[in-house]
Amino acid sequence: MESSMKFEDFKQNSDGMLTVVTQDFENNEVLMVAYMTKEAFDKTIETGIMTYYSRSRDELWVKGDTSGHYQYVKSLVIDCDKDTLLAKVEQVGAACHTGNRTCFFTEICTEEK
């Protein structure tokens, strides 16, 4: 893959990370939200497999290396403020560590009818 922008072109948070919203490329379902460092971004571009930075483990995290549930990049788009990346991926298996397809499965409020 090739990127038309460098990681330095993005507005990173105070920890030098970029927020990433990850969606299924076929149905636009939001699968997860994570973070990238420059190293994670560069590895994602190099391999075509989503690579994030795990804040809890303080290390690079190739999505799927332990679970087999890889995310293959279909497109990466930056928002207008250049501070959030939208990744559209081909998701293999579950995106969530709980085994759910998406990390967004706990409903807390709905419109009353």
N, C-alpha and C. Protein backbone atom coordinates (compact mmCIF):
# COMPACT_ATOMS: atom_id res chain seq x y z
N MET A 1 0.84 -1.17 0.00
CA MET A 1 0.00 0.00 0.00
C MET A 1 0.89 1.24 0.00
N GLU A 2 0.29 2.35 -0.41
CA GLU A 2 0.97 3.63 -0.37
C GLU A 2 0.05 4.66 0.24
N SER A 3 0.63 5.58 1.00
CA SER A 3 -0.15 6.65 1.60
C SER A 3 0.24 7.97 0.96
N SER A 4 -0.75 8.83 0.71
CA SER A 4 -0.47 10.15 0.15
C SER A 4 -0.07 11.15 1.24
N MET A 5 -0.17 10.72 2.51
CA MET A 5 0.21 11.58 3.63
C MET A 5 1.15 10.83 4.56
N LYS A 6 1.98 11.58 5.26
CA LYS A 6 2.84 11.01 6.28
C LYS A 6 2.15 11.16 7.63
N PHE A 7 2.55 10.33 8.58
CA PHE A 7 1.97 10.39 9.91
C PHE A 7 2.15 11.78 10.53
N GLU A 8 3.26 12.41 10.22
CA GLU A 8 3.56 13.75 10.75
C GLU A 8 2.56 14.80 10.25
N ASP A 9 1.85 14.51 9.16
CA ASP A 9 0.84 15.44 8.62
C ASP A 9 -0.45 15.43 9.45
N PHE A 10 -0.62 14.42 10.29
CA PHE A 10 -1.83 14.29 11.09
C PHE A 10 -1.69 15.05 12.40
N LYS A 11 -2.82 15.46 12.96
CA LYS A 11 -2.83 16.11 14.28
C LYS A 11 -2.94 15.01 15.32
N GLN A 12 -1.85 14.74 15.98
CA GLN A 12 -1.80 13.68 16.98
C GLN A 12 -2.21 14.22 18.34
N ASN A 13 -2.66 13.31 19.22
CA ASN A 13 -3.00 13.73 20.58
C ASN A 13 -1.71 13.99 21.36
N SER A 14 -1.83 14.33 22.62
CA SER A 14 -0.65 14.69 23.43
C SER A 14 0.31 13.52 23.62
N ASP A 15 -0.16 12.29 23.37
CA ASP A 15 0.70 11.12 23.47
C ASP A 15 1.31 10.72 22.13
N GLY A 16 1.09 11.56 21.09
CA GLY A 16 1.64 11.26 19.77
C GLY A 16 0.85 10.19 19.04
N MET A 17 -0.42 10.05 19.39
CA MET A 17 -1.26 9.02 18.76
C MET A 17 -2.41 9.64 17.98
N LEU A 18 -2.92 8.84 17.07
CA LEU A 18 -4.04 9.22 16.23
C LEU A 18 -5.20 8.27 16.53
N THR A 19 -6.40 8.81 16.72
CA THR A 19 -7.58 7.98 16.93
C THR A 19 -7.97 7.33 15.60
N VAL A 20 -8.36 6.05 15.66
CA VAL A 20 -8.77 5.31 14.47
C VAL A 20 -10.14 4.70 14.70
N VAL A 21 -11.10 5.04 13.83
CA VAL A 21 -12.41 4.40 13.82
C VAL A 21 -12.36 3.35 12.71
N THR A 22 -12.68 2.11 13.07
CA THR A 22 -12.58 1.02 12.10
C THR A 22 -13.97 0.50 11.75
N GLN A 23 -14.25 0.45 10.45
CA GLN A 23 -15.55 0.01 9.93
C GLN A 23 -15.38 -1.17 8.99
N ASP A 24 -16.43 -1.98 8.91
CA ASP A 24 -16.50 -3.04 7.90
C ASP A 24 -16.69 -2.37 6.54
N PHE A 25 -15.87 -2.72 5.57
CA PHE A 25 -15.92 -2.06 4.26
C PHE A 25 -17.18 -2.39 3.47
N GLU A 26 -17.83 -3.51 3.79
CA GLU A 26 -19.01 -3.91 3.02
C GLU A 26 -20.29 -3.24 3.53
N ASN A 27 -20.46 -3.14 4.84
CA ASN A 27 -21.73 -2.63 5.36
C ASN A 27 -21.59 -1.39 6.25
N ASN A 28 -20.37 -0.87 6.39
CA ASN A 28 -20.07 0.33 7.18
C ASN A 28 -20.32 0.17 8.68
N GLU A 29 -20.50 -1.04 9.16
CA GLU A 29 -20.67 -1.27 10.60
C GLU A 29 -19.40 -0.83 11.33
N VAL A 30 -19.57 -0.04 12.39
CA VAL A 30 -18.41 0.37 13.19
C VAL A 30 -17.98 -0.84 14.02
N LEU A 31 -16.75 -1.24 13.85
CA LEU A 31 -16.24 -2.43 14.53
C LEU A 31 -15.51 -2.09 15.83
N MET A 32 -14.72 -1.03 15.79
CA MET A 32 -13.93 -0.68 16.97
C MET A 32 -13.32 0.71 16.82
N VAL A 33 -12.80 1.22 17.93
CA VAL A 33 -12.04 2.46 17.95
C VAL A 33 -10.73 2.13 18.66
N ALA A 34 -9.63 2.57 18.08
CA ALA A 34 -8.31 2.29 18.67
C ALA A 34 -7.38 3.46 18.36
N TYR A 35 -6.10 3.26 18.61
CA TYR A 35 -5.11 4.33 18.43
C TYR A 35 -3.93 3.82 17.63
N MET A 36 -3.29 4.75 16.92
CA MET A 36 -2.09 4.45 16.16
C MET A 36 -0.98 5.41 16.53
N THR A 37 0.22 4.87 16.57
CA THR A 37 1.44 5.67 16.64
C THR A 37 2.01 5.71 15.22
N LYS A 38 3.08 6.45 15.03
CA LYS A 38 3.73 6.49 13.72
C LYS A 38 4.16 5.09 13.31
N GLU A 39 4.73 4.34 14.24
CA GLU A 39 5.18 2.99 13.95
C GLU A 39 4.02 2.09 13.52
N ALA A 40 2.88 2.22 14.20
CA ALA A 40 1.69 1.42 13.85
C ALA A 40 1.17 1.81 12.48
N PHE A 41 1.13 3.11 12.19
CA PHE A 41 0.68 3.59 10.88
C PHE A 41 1.58 3.05 9.78
N ASP A 42 2.89 3.20 9.98
CA ASP A 42 3.85 2.74 8.96
C ASP A 42 3.73 1.24 8.71
N LYS A 43 3.54 0.47 9.77
CA LYS A 43 3.39 -0.99 9.61
C LYS A 43 2.09 -1.34 8.90
N THR A 44 1.02 -0.59 9.20
CA THR A 44 -0.26 -0.81 8.52
C THR A 44 -0.10 -0.58 7.02
N ILE A 45 0.56 0.52 6.64
CA ILE A 45 0.78 0.83 5.23
C ILE A 45 1.66 -0.24 4.58
N GLU A 46 2.68 -0.66 5.29
CA GLU A 46 3.63 -1.65 4.76
C GLU A 46 2.99 -3.01 4.53
N THR A 47 2.14 -3.46 5.48
CA THR A 47 1.60 -4.83 5.42
C THR A 47 0.18 -4.93 4.88
N GLY A 48 -0.60 -3.83 4.98
CA GLY A 48 -2.01 -3.90 4.59
C GLY A 48 -2.88 -4.54 5.65
N ILE A 49 -2.31 -4.78 6.83
CA ILE A 49 -3.05 -5.35 7.96
C ILE A 49 -3.08 -4.29 9.06
N MET A 50 -4.26 -4.06 9.63
CA MET A 50 -4.38 -3.02 10.66
C MET A 50 -3.47 -3.31 11.84
N THR A 51 -2.68 -2.30 12.16
CA THR A 51 -1.77 -2.37 13.30
C THR A 51 -2.06 -1.15 14.16
N TYR A 52 -2.26 -1.38 15.43
CA TYR A 52 -2.62 -0.32 16.37
C TYR A 52 -1.55 -0.22 17.45
N TYR A 53 -1.76 0.73 18.36
CA TYR A 53 -0.93 0.81 19.54
C TYR A 53 -1.81 0.53 20.75
N SER A 54 -1.46 -0.48 21.51
CA SER A 54 -2.22 -0.83 22.71
C SER A 54 -1.74 0.05 23.86
N ARG A 55 -2.60 0.93 24.31
CA ARG A 55 -2.25 1.80 25.43
C ARG A 55 -2.15 1.01 26.72
N SER A 56 -2.99 0.00 26.90
CA SER A 56 -2.96 -0.78 28.14
C SER A 56 -1.72 -1.67 28.24
N ARG A 57 -1.26 -2.18 27.11
CA ARG A 57 -0.06 -3.03 27.11
C ARG A 57 1.21 -2.24 26.76
N ASP A 58 1.02 -0.99 26.30
CA ASP A 58 2.14 -0.12 25.93
C ASP A 58 3.03 -0.78 24.87
N GLU A 59 2.34 -1.27 23.79
CA GLU A 59 3.09 -1.93 22.72
C GLU A 59 2.30 -1.92 21.42
N LEU A 60 3.02 -2.16 20.32
CA LEU A 60 2.39 -2.30 19.02
C LEU A 60 1.49 -3.53 19.03
N TRP A 61 0.36 -3.46 18.30
CA TRP A 61 -0.62 -4.53 18.32
C TRP A 61 -1.12 -4.77 16.90
N VAL A 62 -0.71 -5.87 16.30
CA VAL A 62 -1.21 -6.27 14.99
C VAL A 62 -2.51 -7.00 15.23
N LYS A 63 -3.63 -6.39 14.81
CA LYS A 63 -4.95 -6.98 15.04
C LYS A 63 -5.01 -8.34 14.36
N GLY A 64 -5.21 -9.38 15.17
CA GLY A 64 -5.33 -10.73 14.64
C GLY A 64 -4.14 -11.63 14.92
N ASP A 65 -3.01 -11.08 15.36
CA ASP A 65 -1.84 -11.93 15.59
C ASP A 65 -2.09 -13.01 16.63
N THR A 66 -2.86 -12.70 17.68
CA THR A 66 -3.13 -13.72 18.69
C THR A 66 -4.46 -14.44 18.44
N SER A 67 -5.45 -13.74 17.88
CA SER A 67 -6.78 -14.32 17.71
C SER A 67 -7.01 -14.94 16.33
N GLY A 68 -6.24 -14.51 15.36
CA GLY A 68 -6.50 -14.91 13.97
C GLY A 68 -7.56 -14.06 13.30
N HIS A 69 -8.08 -13.07 14.02
CA HIS A 69 -9.14 -12.20 13.51
C HIS A 69 -8.53 -10.93 12.90
N TYR A 70 -7.88 -11.10 11.78
CA TYR A 70 -7.18 -10.00 11.12
C TYR A 70 -8.13 -8.99 10.50
N GLN A 71 -7.63 -7.79 10.33
CA GLN A 71 -8.35 -6.73 9.62
C GLN A 71 -7.49 -6.30 8.43
N TYR A 72 -7.97 -6.62 7.22
CA TYR A 72 -7.25 -6.28 6.00
C TYR A 72 -7.75 -4.93 5.49
N VAL A 73 -6.82 -4.02 5.29
CA VAL A 73 -7.16 -2.65 4.91
C VAL A 73 -7.74 -2.59 3.51
N LYS A 74 -8.88 -1.93 3.40
CA LYS A 74 -9.48 -1.63 2.10
C LYS A 74 -9.28 -0.16 1.78
N SER A 75 -9.39 0.73 2.80
CA SER A 75 -9.10 2.16 2.59
C SER A 75 -8.83 2.82 3.93
N LEU A 76 -8.05 3.89 3.88
CA LEU A 76 -7.79 4.75 5.02
C LEU A 76 -8.11 6.17 4.59
N VAL A 77 -8.95 6.85 5.40
CA VAL A 77 -9.37 8.22 5.09
C VAL A 77 -9.20 9.06 6.35
N ILE A 78 -8.61 10.23 6.21
CA ILE A 78 -8.45 11.13 7.35
C ILE A 78 -9.61 12.12 7.37
N ASP A 79 -10.03 12.54 8.56
CA ASP A 79 -11.14 13.50 8.65
C ASP A 79 -10.63 14.92 8.35
N CYS A 80 -11.57 15.87 8.29
CA CYS A 80 -11.25 17.25 7.89
C CYS A 80 -10.29 17.94 8.84
N ASP A 81 -10.28 17.55 10.12
CA ASP A 81 -9.35 18.14 11.09
C ASP A 81 -8.01 17.42 11.13
N LYS A 82 -7.93 16.33 10.40
CA LYS A 82 -6.73 15.49 10.34
C LYS A 82 -6.34 14.91 11.71
N ASP A 83 -7.37 14.66 12.55
CA ASP A 83 -7.07 14.08 13.86
C ASP A 83 -7.75 12.73 14.11
N THR A 84 -8.50 12.23 13.14
CA THR A 84 -9.14 10.91 13.26
C THR A 84 -9.07 10.19 11.93
N LEU A 85 -8.62 8.97 11.97
CA LEU A 85 -8.51 8.14 10.78
C LEU A 85 -9.71 7.20 10.71
N LEU A 86 -10.30 7.08 9.53
CA LEU A 86 -11.36 6.11 9.28
C LEU A 86 -10.75 4.98 8.46
N ALA A 87 -10.74 3.79 9.06
CA ALA A 87 -10.21 2.61 8.37
C ALA A 87 -11.37 1.72 7.97
N LYS A 88 -11.46 1.43 6.69
CA LYS A 88 -12.45 0.47 6.21
C LYS A 88 -11.68 -0.82 5.94
N VAL A 89 -12.17 -1.91 6.55
CA VAL A 89 -11.41 -3.15 6.54
C VAL A 89 -12.28 -4.34 6.17
N GLU A 90 -11.61 -5.39 5.75
CA GLU A 90 -12.23 -6.71 5.64
C GLU A 90 -11.93 -7.39 6.97
N GLN A 91 -12.96 -7.60 7.77
CA GLN A 91 -12.79 -8.19 9.10
C GLN A 91 -12.90 -9.70 9.01
N VAL A 92 -11.91 -10.39 9.53
CA VAL A 92 -11.95 -11.85 9.63
C VAL A 92 -12.34 -12.19 11.06
N GLY A 93 -13.47 -12.86 11.24
CA GLY A 93 -13.93 -13.22 12.58
C GLY A 93 -14.42 -12.01 13.35
N ALA A 94 -14.30 -12.08 14.67
CA ALA A 94 -14.79 -11.04 15.56
C ALA A 94 -13.78 -9.90 15.68
N ALA A 95 -14.28 -8.67 15.77
CA ALA A 95 -13.40 -7.52 15.99
C ALA A 95 -13.13 -7.33 17.48
N CYS A 96 -14.07 -7.69 18.31
CA CYS A 96 -13.98 -7.42 19.76
C CYS A 96 -13.28 -8.58 20.49
N HIS A 97 -12.50 -8.24 21.49
CA HIS A 97 -11.82 -9.27 22.30
C HIS A 97 -12.80 -10.14 23.08
N THR A 98 -14.07 -9.71 23.19
CA THR A 98 -15.09 -10.51 23.88
C THR A 98 -15.66 -11.61 22.99
N GLY A 99 -15.31 -11.57 21.71
CA GLY A 99 -15.85 -12.54 20.76
C GLY A 99 -17.01 -12.00 19.95
N ASN A 100 -17.47 -10.80 20.27
CA ASN A 100 -18.54 -10.16 19.50
C ASN A 100 -17.98 -9.63 18.19
N ARG A 101 -18.82 -9.57 17.20
CA ARG A 101 -18.41 -9.06 15.88
C ARG A 101 -17.86 -7.63 15.99
N THR A 102 -18.52 -6.79 16.79
CA THR A 102 -18.13 -5.40 16.97
C THR A 102 -17.95 -5.12 18.46
N CYS A 103 -17.19 -4.10 18.77
CA CYS A 103 -17.03 -3.69 20.17
C CYS A 103 -18.25 -2.92 20.67
N PHE A 104 -19.12 -2.52 19.76
CA PHE A 104 -20.30 -1.72 20.11
C PHE A 104 -21.55 -2.60 20.13
N PHE A 105 -21.73 -3.33 21.23
CA PHE A 105 -22.88 -4.23 21.35
C PHE A 105 -23.71 -3.99 22.61
N THR A 106 -23.27 -3.10 23.48
CA THR A 106 -24.00 -2.84 24.73
C THR A 106 -24.84 -1.58 24.56
N GLU A 107 -26.14 -1.78 24.37
CA GLU A 107 -27.05 -0.65 24.19
C GLU A 107 -27.34 -0.01 25.54
N ILE A 108 -27.22 1.30 25.62
CA ILE A 108 -27.48 1.99 26.90
C ILE A 108 -28.65 2.96 26.83
N CYS A 109 -29.10 3.28 25.61
CA CYS A 109 -30.21 4.22 25.49
C CYS A 109 -30.80 4.09 24.09
N THR A 110 -32.12 4.13 24.02
CA THR A 110 -32.79 4.15 22.73
C THR A 110 -33.94 5.14 22.79
N GLU A 111 -34.36 5.60 21.65
CA GLU A 111 -35.49 6.50 21.57
C GLU A 111 -36.76 5.75 21.95
N GLU A 112 -37.56 6.36 22.79
CA GLU A 112 -38.84 5.76 23.14
C GLU A 112 -39.82 5.97 22.00
N LYS A 113 -40.67 4.99 21.77
CA LYS A 113 -41.65 5.09 20.69
C LYS A 113 -43.05 5.12 21.22
